[in-house]
PDB file of N, CA and C in Angstrom:
ATOM      1  N   ASN A   1    -176.619 113.522 -41.488  1.00  0.00           N
ATOM      2  CA  ASN A   1    -176.242 114.279 -42.686  1.00  0.00           C
ATOM      3  C   ASN A   1    -176.639 115.544 -42.718  1.00  0.00           C
ATOM      4  N   VAL A   2    -176.333 116.887 -42.981  1.00  0.00           N
ATOM      5  CA  VAL A   2    -177.936 117.774 -43.149  1.00  0.00           C
ATOM      6  C   VAL A   2    -176.639 118.788 -43.945  1.00  0.00           C
ATOM      7  N   ASP A   3    -178.034 119.055 -45.094  1.00  0.00           N
ATOM      8  CA  ASP A   3    -177.239 119.992 -46.567  1.00  0.00           C
ATOM      9  C   ASP A   3    -177.588 121.641 -45.859  1.00  0.00           C
ATOM     10  N   THR A   4    -176.087 122.463 -45.737  1.00  0.00           N
ATOM     11  CA  THR A   4    -176.038 123.170 -45.130  1.00  0.00           C
ATOM     12  C   THR A   4    -176.506 124.150 -46.415  1.00  0.00           C
ATOM     13  N   GLY A   5    -176.949 123.797 -47.280  1.00  0.00           N
ATOM     14  CA  GLY A   5    -177.334 124.707 -48.714  1.00  0.00           C
ATOM     15  C   GLY A   5    -175.534 125.753 -48.836  1.00  0.00           C
ATOM     16  N   ARG A   6    -174.230 125.731 -48.233  1.00  0.00           N
ATOM     17  CA  ARG A   6    -173.427 126.481 -48.677  1.00  0.00           C
ATOM     18  C   ARG A   6    -172.331 125.324 -49.262  1.00  0.00           C
ATOM     19  N   GLY A   7    -172.559 124.288 -50.569  1.00  0.00           N
ATOM     20  CA  GLY A   7    -172.388 123.657 -51.007  1.00  0.00           C
ATOM     21  C   GLY A   7    -171.438 122.503 -50.298  1.00  0.00           C
ATOM     22  N   PHE A   8    -171.499 122.035 -49.117  1.00  0.00           N
ATOM     23  CA  PHE A   8    -171.488 120.591 -48.257  1.00  0.00           C
ATOM     24  C   PHE A   8    -172.634 120.271 -47.588  1.00  0.00           C
ATOM     25  N   GLU A   9    -172.157 119.192 -47.432  1.00  0.00           N
ATOM     26  CA  GLU A   9    -172.690 118.299 -46.660  1.00  0.00           C
ATOM     27  C   GLU A   9    -172.884 118.521 -44.546  1.00  0.00           C
ATOM     28  N   GLY A  10    -173.387 118.845 -44.542  1.00  0.00           N
ATOM     29  CA  GLY A  10    -173.397 119.243 -42.009  1.00  0.00           C
ATOM     30  C   GLY A  10    -172.710 117.670 -41.814  1.00  0.00           C
ATOM     31  N   LYS A  11    -172.349 118.108 -40.258  1.00  0.00           N
ATOM     32  CA  LYS A  11    -172.138 116.780 -39.377  1.00  0.00           C
ATOM     33  C   LYS A  11    -172.590 117.349 -38.308  1.00  0.00           C
ATOM     34  N   GLU A  12    -173.503 116.759 -37.694  1.00  0.00           N
ATOM     35  CA  GLU A  12    -174.084 116.916 -36.130  1.00  0.00           C
ATOM     36  C   GLU A  12    -174.245 116.245 -35.234  1.00  0.00           C
ATOM     37  N   TRP A  13    -174.025 116.296 -33.570  1.00  0.00           N
ATOM     38  CA  TRP A  13    -174.628 115.484 -32.731  1.00  0.00           C
ATOM     39  C   TRP A  13    -175.010 115.608 -31.580  1.00  0.00           C
ATOM     40  N   GLU A  14    -175.836 115.117 -30.839  1.00  0.00           N
ATOM     41  CA  GLU A  14    -175.883 116.079 -29.427  1.00  0.00           C
ATOM     42  C   GLU A  14    -176.040 114.447 -28.671  1.00  0.00           C
ATOM     43  N   ARG A  15    -175.673 115.225 -27.423  1.00  0.00           N
ATOM     44  CA  ARG A  15    -176.194 114.199 -26.151  1.00  0.00           C
ATOM     45  C   ARG A  15    -176.736 114.915 -24.820  1.00  0.00           C
ATOM     46  N   ASP A  16    -177.538 115.069 -24.607  1.00  0.00           N
ATOM     47  CA  ASP A  16    -178.557 115.064 -23.184  1.00  0.00           C
ATOM     48  C   ASP A  16    -178.866 114.355 -22.332  1.00  0.00           C
ATOM     49  N   LEU A  17    -178.098 115.026 -20.963  1.00  0.00           N
ATOM     50  CA  LEU A  17    -178.707 113.666 -19.700  1.00  0.00           C
ATOM     51  C   LEU A  17    -179.257 114.796 -18.804  1.00  0.00           C
ATOM     52  N   ASP A  18    -179.926 114.251 -18.262  1.00  0.00           N
ATOM     53  CA  ASP A  18    -180.887 114.729 -17.278  1.00  0.00           C
ATOM     54  C   ASP A  18    -180.720 113.493 -15.791  1.00  0.00           C
ATOM     55  N   VAL A  19    -180.375 114.483 -15.057  1.00  0.00           N
ATOM     56  CA  VAL A  19    -180.000 113.912 -13.801  1.00  0.00           C
ATOM     57  C   VAL A  19    -181.111 114.458 -12.431  1.00  0.00           C
ATOM     58  N   GLY A  20    -181.635 113.831 -12.054  1.00  0.00           N
ATOM     59  CA  GLY A  20    -183.610 114.510 -11.348  1.00  0.00           C
ATOM     60  C   GLY A  20    -183.602 113.475  -9.948  1.00  0.00           C
ATOM     61  N   TYR A  21    -184.279 114.249  -9.016  1.00  0.00           N
ATOM     62  CA  TYR A  21    -185.160 113.669  -7.702  1.00  0.00           C
ATOM     63  C   TYR A  21    -185.298 114.662  -7.458  1.00  0.00           C
ATOM     64  N   VAL A  22    -186.990 113.681  -6.507  1.00  0.00           N
ATOM     65  CA  VAL A  22    -188.119 114.183  -5.965  1.00  0.00           C
ATOM     66  C   VAL A  22    -188.099 114.216  -4.663  1.00  0.00           C
ATOM     67  N   VAL A  23    -188.068 115.469  -3.378  1.00  0.00           N
ATOM     68  CA  VAL A  23    -188.611 114.990  -2.070  1.00  0.00           C
ATOM     69  C   VAL A  23    -189.492 114.352  -2.353  1.00  0.00           C
ATOM     70  N   GLN A  24    -189.139 113.320  -1.351  1.00  0.00           N
ATOM     71  CA  GLN A  24    -190.296 112.175  -1.003  1.00  0.00           C
ATOM     72  C   GLN A  24    -191.501 112.090   0.715  1.00  0.00           C
ATOM     73  N   SER A  25    -190.889 113.160   1.300  1.00  0.00           N
ATOM     74  CA  SER A  25    -191.024 112.960   2.591  1.00  0.00           C
ATOM     75  C   SER A  25    -190.917 114.325   3.090  1.00  0.00           C
ATOM     76  N   GLY A  26    -191.565 115.035   4.107  1.00  0.00           N
ATOM     77  CA  GLY A  26    -191.094 116.218   5.195  1.00  0.00           C
ATOM     78  C   GLY A  26    -191.705 117.027   4.619  1.00  0.00           C
ATOM     79  N   SER A  27    -191.179 118.493   4.851  1.00  0.00           N
ATOM     80  CA  SER A  27    -191.617 119.998   4.987  1.00  0.00           C
ATOM     81  C   SER A  27    -191.765 120.518   3.204  1.00  0.00           C
ATOM     82  N   LEU A  28    -190.599 119.349   2.738  1.00  0.00           N
ATOM     83  CA  LEU A  28    -190.126 119.918   1.285  1.00  0.00           C
ATOM     84  C   LEU A  28    -190.795 118.181   0.541  1.00  0.00           C
ATOM     85  N   LYS A  29    -191.573 118.195   0.504  1.00  0.00           N
ATOM     86  CA  LYS A  29    -192.300 116.786  -0.183  1.00  0.00           C
ATOM     87  C   LYS A  29    -193.036 117.171  -1.635  1.00  0.00           C
ATOM     88  N   GLY A  30    -192.119 116.781  -2.132  1.00  0.00           N
ATOM     89  CA  GLY A  30    -192.754 117.023  -3.947  1.00  0.00           C
ATOM     90  C   GLY A  30    -192.304 118.017  -4.459  1.00  0.00           C
ATOM     91  N   LEU A  31    -190.758 118.901  -3.667  1.00  0.00           N
ATOM     92  CA  LEU A  31    -190.084 119.540  -4.298  1.00  0.00           C
ATOM     93  C   LEU A  31    -188.866 118.573  -5.417  1.00  0.00           C
ATOM     94  N   GLY A  32    -188.951 118.664  -6.358  1.00  0.00           N
ATOM     95  CA  GLY A  32    -188.376 118.491  -7.538  1.00  0.00           C
ATOM     96  C   GLY A  32    -186.886 119.209  -7.598  1.00  0.00           C
ATOM     97  N   VAL A  33    -185.824 118.668  -7.880  1.00  0.00           N
ATOM     98  CA  VAL A  33    -184.448 118.829  -8.604  1.00  0.00           C
ATOM     99  C   VAL A  33    -184.217 118.426  -9.936  1.00  0.00           C
ATOM    100  N   LYS A  34    -183.931 119.274 -10.962  1.00  0.00           N
ATOM    101  CA  LYS A  34    -183.396 117.871 -12.029  1.00  0.00           C
ATOM    102  C   LYS A  34    -181.454 119.235 -12.436  1.00  0.00           C
ATOM    103  N   VAL A  35    -180.691 118.274 -12.760  1.00  0.00           N
ATOM    104  CA  VAL A  35    -179.699 118.802 -13.395  1.00  0.00           C
ATOM    105  C   VAL A  35    -179.578 118.500 -14.755  1.00  0.00           C
ATOM    106  N   ARG A  36    -179.902 119.484 -15.715  1.00  0.00           N
ATOM    107  CA  ARG A  36    -179.129 118.772 -17.351  1.00  0.00           C
ATOM    108  C   ARG A  36    -178.389 119.528 -18.086  1.00  0.00           C
ATOM    109  N   ASN A  37    -177.952 118.689 -18.131  1.00  0.00           N
ATOM    110  CA  ASN A  37    -176.182 118.772 -19.575  1.00  0.00           C
ATOM    111  C   ASN A  37    -176.623 118.771 -20.275  1.00  0.00           C
ATOM    112  N   VAL A  38    -176.359 119.537 -21.330  1.00  0.00           N
ATOM    113  CA  VAL A  38    -176.220 119.605 -22.815  1.00  0.00           C
ATOM    114  C   VAL A  38    -175.182 119.577 -23.643  1.00  0.00           C
ATOM    115  N   THR A  39    -174.600 119.044 -24.443  1.00  0.00           N
ATOM    116  CA  THR A  39    -173.282 118.842 -25.423  1.00  0.00           C
ATOM    117  C   THR A  39    -173.852 118.352 -27.236  1.00  0.00           C
ATOM    118  N   ALA A  40    -173.932 119.808 -27.590  1.00  0.00           N
ATOM    119  CA  ALA A  40    -173.564 119.599 -28.476  1.00  0.00           C
ATOM    120  C   ALA A  40    -172.892 120.271 -30.198  1.00  0.00           C
ATOM    121  N   ARG A  41    -172.362 119.291 -31.316  1.00  0.00           N
ATOM    122  CA  ARG A  41    -171.059 119.612 -31.851  1.00  0.00           C
ATOM    123  C   ARG A  41    -171.691 119.549 -33.845  1.00  0.00           C
ATOM    124  N   SER A  42    -171.192 120.099 -34.409  1.00  0.00           N
ATOM    125  CA  SER A  42    -171.298 120.844 -35.669  1.00  0.00           C
ATOM    126  C   SER A  42    -170.095 120.904 -36.464  1.00  0.00           C
ATOM    127  N   ASN A  43    -170.382 120.672 -37.163  1.00  0.00           N
ATOM    128  CA  ASN A  43    -168.856 121.426 -38.367  1.00  0.00           C
ATOM    129  C   ASN A  43    -169.908 122.176 -38.990  1.00  0.00           C
ATOM    130  N   TYR A  44    -170.561 123.076 -39.034  1.00  0.00           N
ATOM    131  CA  TYR A  44    -171.577 124.090 -39.513  1.00  0.00           C
ATOM    132  C   TYR A  44    -171.672 125.313 -38.905  1.00  0.00           C
ATOM    133  N   ARG A  45    -172.152 125.238 -37.981  1.00  0.00           N
ATOM    134  CA  ARG A  45    -173.000 125.960 -36.915  1.00  0.00           C
ATOM    135  C   ARG A  45    -172.274 126.335 -35.340  1.00  0.00           C
ATOM    136  N   SER A  46    -172.411 126.694 -34.487  1.00  0.00           N
ATOM    137  CA  SER A  46    -171.942 126.836 -33.305  1.00  0.00           C
ATOM    138  C   SER A  46    -172.149 126.009 -32.549  1.00  0.00           C
ATOM    139  N   ASP A  47    -170.967 125.500 -31.785  1.00  0.00           N
ATOM    140  CA  ASP A  47    -171.084 124.734 -30.630  1.00  0.00           C
ATOM    141  C   ASP A  47    -171.857 125.141 -29.276  1.00  0.00           C
ATOM    142  N   VAL A  48    -172.535 124.120 -28.807  1.00  0.00           N
ATOM    143  CA  VAL A  48    -172.867 124.149 -27.622  1.00  0.00           C
ATOM    144  C   VAL A  48    -173.037 123.454 -26.552  1.00  0.00           C
ATOM    145  N   ASP A  49    -172.457 123.851 -25.343  1.00  0.00           N
ATOM    146  CA  ASP A  49    -172.484 123.759 -23.674  1.00  0.00           C
ATOM    147  C   ASP A  49    -173.419 124.367 -22.830  1.00  0.00           C
ATOM    148  N   GLU A  50    -174.212 123.450 -22.583  1.00  0.00           N
ATOM    149  CA  GLU A  50    -175.510 124.364 -21.608  1.00  0.00           C
ATOM    150  C   GLU A  50    -175.300 123.111 -20.726  1.00  0.00           C
ATOM    151  N   ASN A  51    -175.757 124.152 -19.369  1.00  0.00           N
ATOM    152  CA  ASN A  51    -175.880 123.622 -18.088  1.00  0.00           C
ATOM    153  C   ASN A  51    -177.142 124.172 -17.151  1.00  0.00           C
ATOM    154  N   ARG A  52    -178.168 123.276 -16.958  1.00  0.00           N
ATOM    155  CA  ARG A  52    -179.437 124.191 -16.253  1.00  0.00           C
ATOM    156  C   ARG A  52    -179.575 123.139 -14.416  1.00  0.00           C
ATOM    157  N   LEU A  53    -180.134 124.177 -13.987  1.00  0.00           N
ATOM    158  CA  LEU A  53    -180.130 123.601 -12.676  1.00  0.00           C
ATOM    159  C   LEU A  53    -182.135 124.033 -12.795  1.00  0.00           C
ATOM    160  N   ILE A  54    -182.869 122.603 -13.027  1.00  0.00           N
ATOM    161  CA  ILE A  54    -184.637 122.517 -12.550  1.00  0.00           C
ATOM    162  C   ILE A  54    -185.182 122.446 -11.047  1.00  0.00           C
ATOM    163  N   PHE A  55    -185.976 123.250 -11.063  1.00  0.00           N
ATOM    164  CA  PHE A  55    -186.671 122.911  -9.798  1.00  0.00           C
ATOM    165  C   PHE A  55    -187.851 122.706 -10.328  1.00  0.00           C
ATOM    166  N   ASN A  56    -188.086 121.947  -9.799  1.00  0.00           N
ATOM    167  CA  ASN A  56    -190.257 122.064  -9.802  1.00  0.00           C
ATOM    168  C   ASN A  56    -191.103 121.770  -8.749  1.00  0.00           C
ATOM    169  N   TYR A  57    -192.379 122.149  -8.274  1.00  0.00           N
ATOM    170  CA  TYR A  57    -192.540 121.937  -6.953  1.00  0.00           C
ATOM    171  C   TYR A  57    -194.481 122.051  -7.937  1.00  0.00           C
ATOM    172  N   THR A  58    -195.405 121.336  -7.451  1.00  0.00           N
ATOM    173  CA  THR A  58    -196.391 121.456  -7.633  1.00  0.00           C
ATOM    174  C   THR A  58    -197.158 121.473  -6.316  1.00  0.00           C
ATOM    175  N   TRP A  59    -198.480 122.342  -6.677  1.00  0.00           N
ATOM    176  CA  TRP A  59    -199.194 122.759  -5.164  1.00  0.00           C
ATOM    177  C   TRP A  59    -200.435 122.476  -5.558  1.00  0.00           C
ATOM    178  N   ASN A  60    -201.290 121.428  -4.753  1.00  0.00           N
ATOM    179  CA  ASN A  60    -203.157 121.062  -4.666  1.00  0.00           C
ATOM    180  C   ASN A  60    -203.590 122.200  -5.081  1.00  0.00           C
ATOM    181  N   LEU A  61    -204.511 122.574  -5.395  1.00  0.00           N
ATOM    182  CA  LEU A  61    -205.452 124.060  -5.669  1.00  0.00           C
ATOM    183  C   LEU A  61    -206.538 123.745  -4.797  1.00  0.00           C
ATOM    184  N   LEU A  62    -207.161 122.273  -4.622  1.00  0.00           N
ATOM    185  CA  LEU A  62    -208.126 122.294  -3.938  1.00  0.00           C
ATOM    186  C   LEU A  62    -208.279 121.471  -2.990  1.00  0.00           C
TER     187      LEU A  62
END
């Protein structure tokens, strides 16, 4: 429950889902790939649907 300041209580919910994989061997060893999906619903602000594709890679500097 959210106090909206507009004279009514708002409701909202959010679901976040991440699925990821890190390459274990070969020339791309250490490359991480993640897919993120976000869904947020509310009765007092705009709904949000978001999909992201995230790549991670770590370099050893020493």
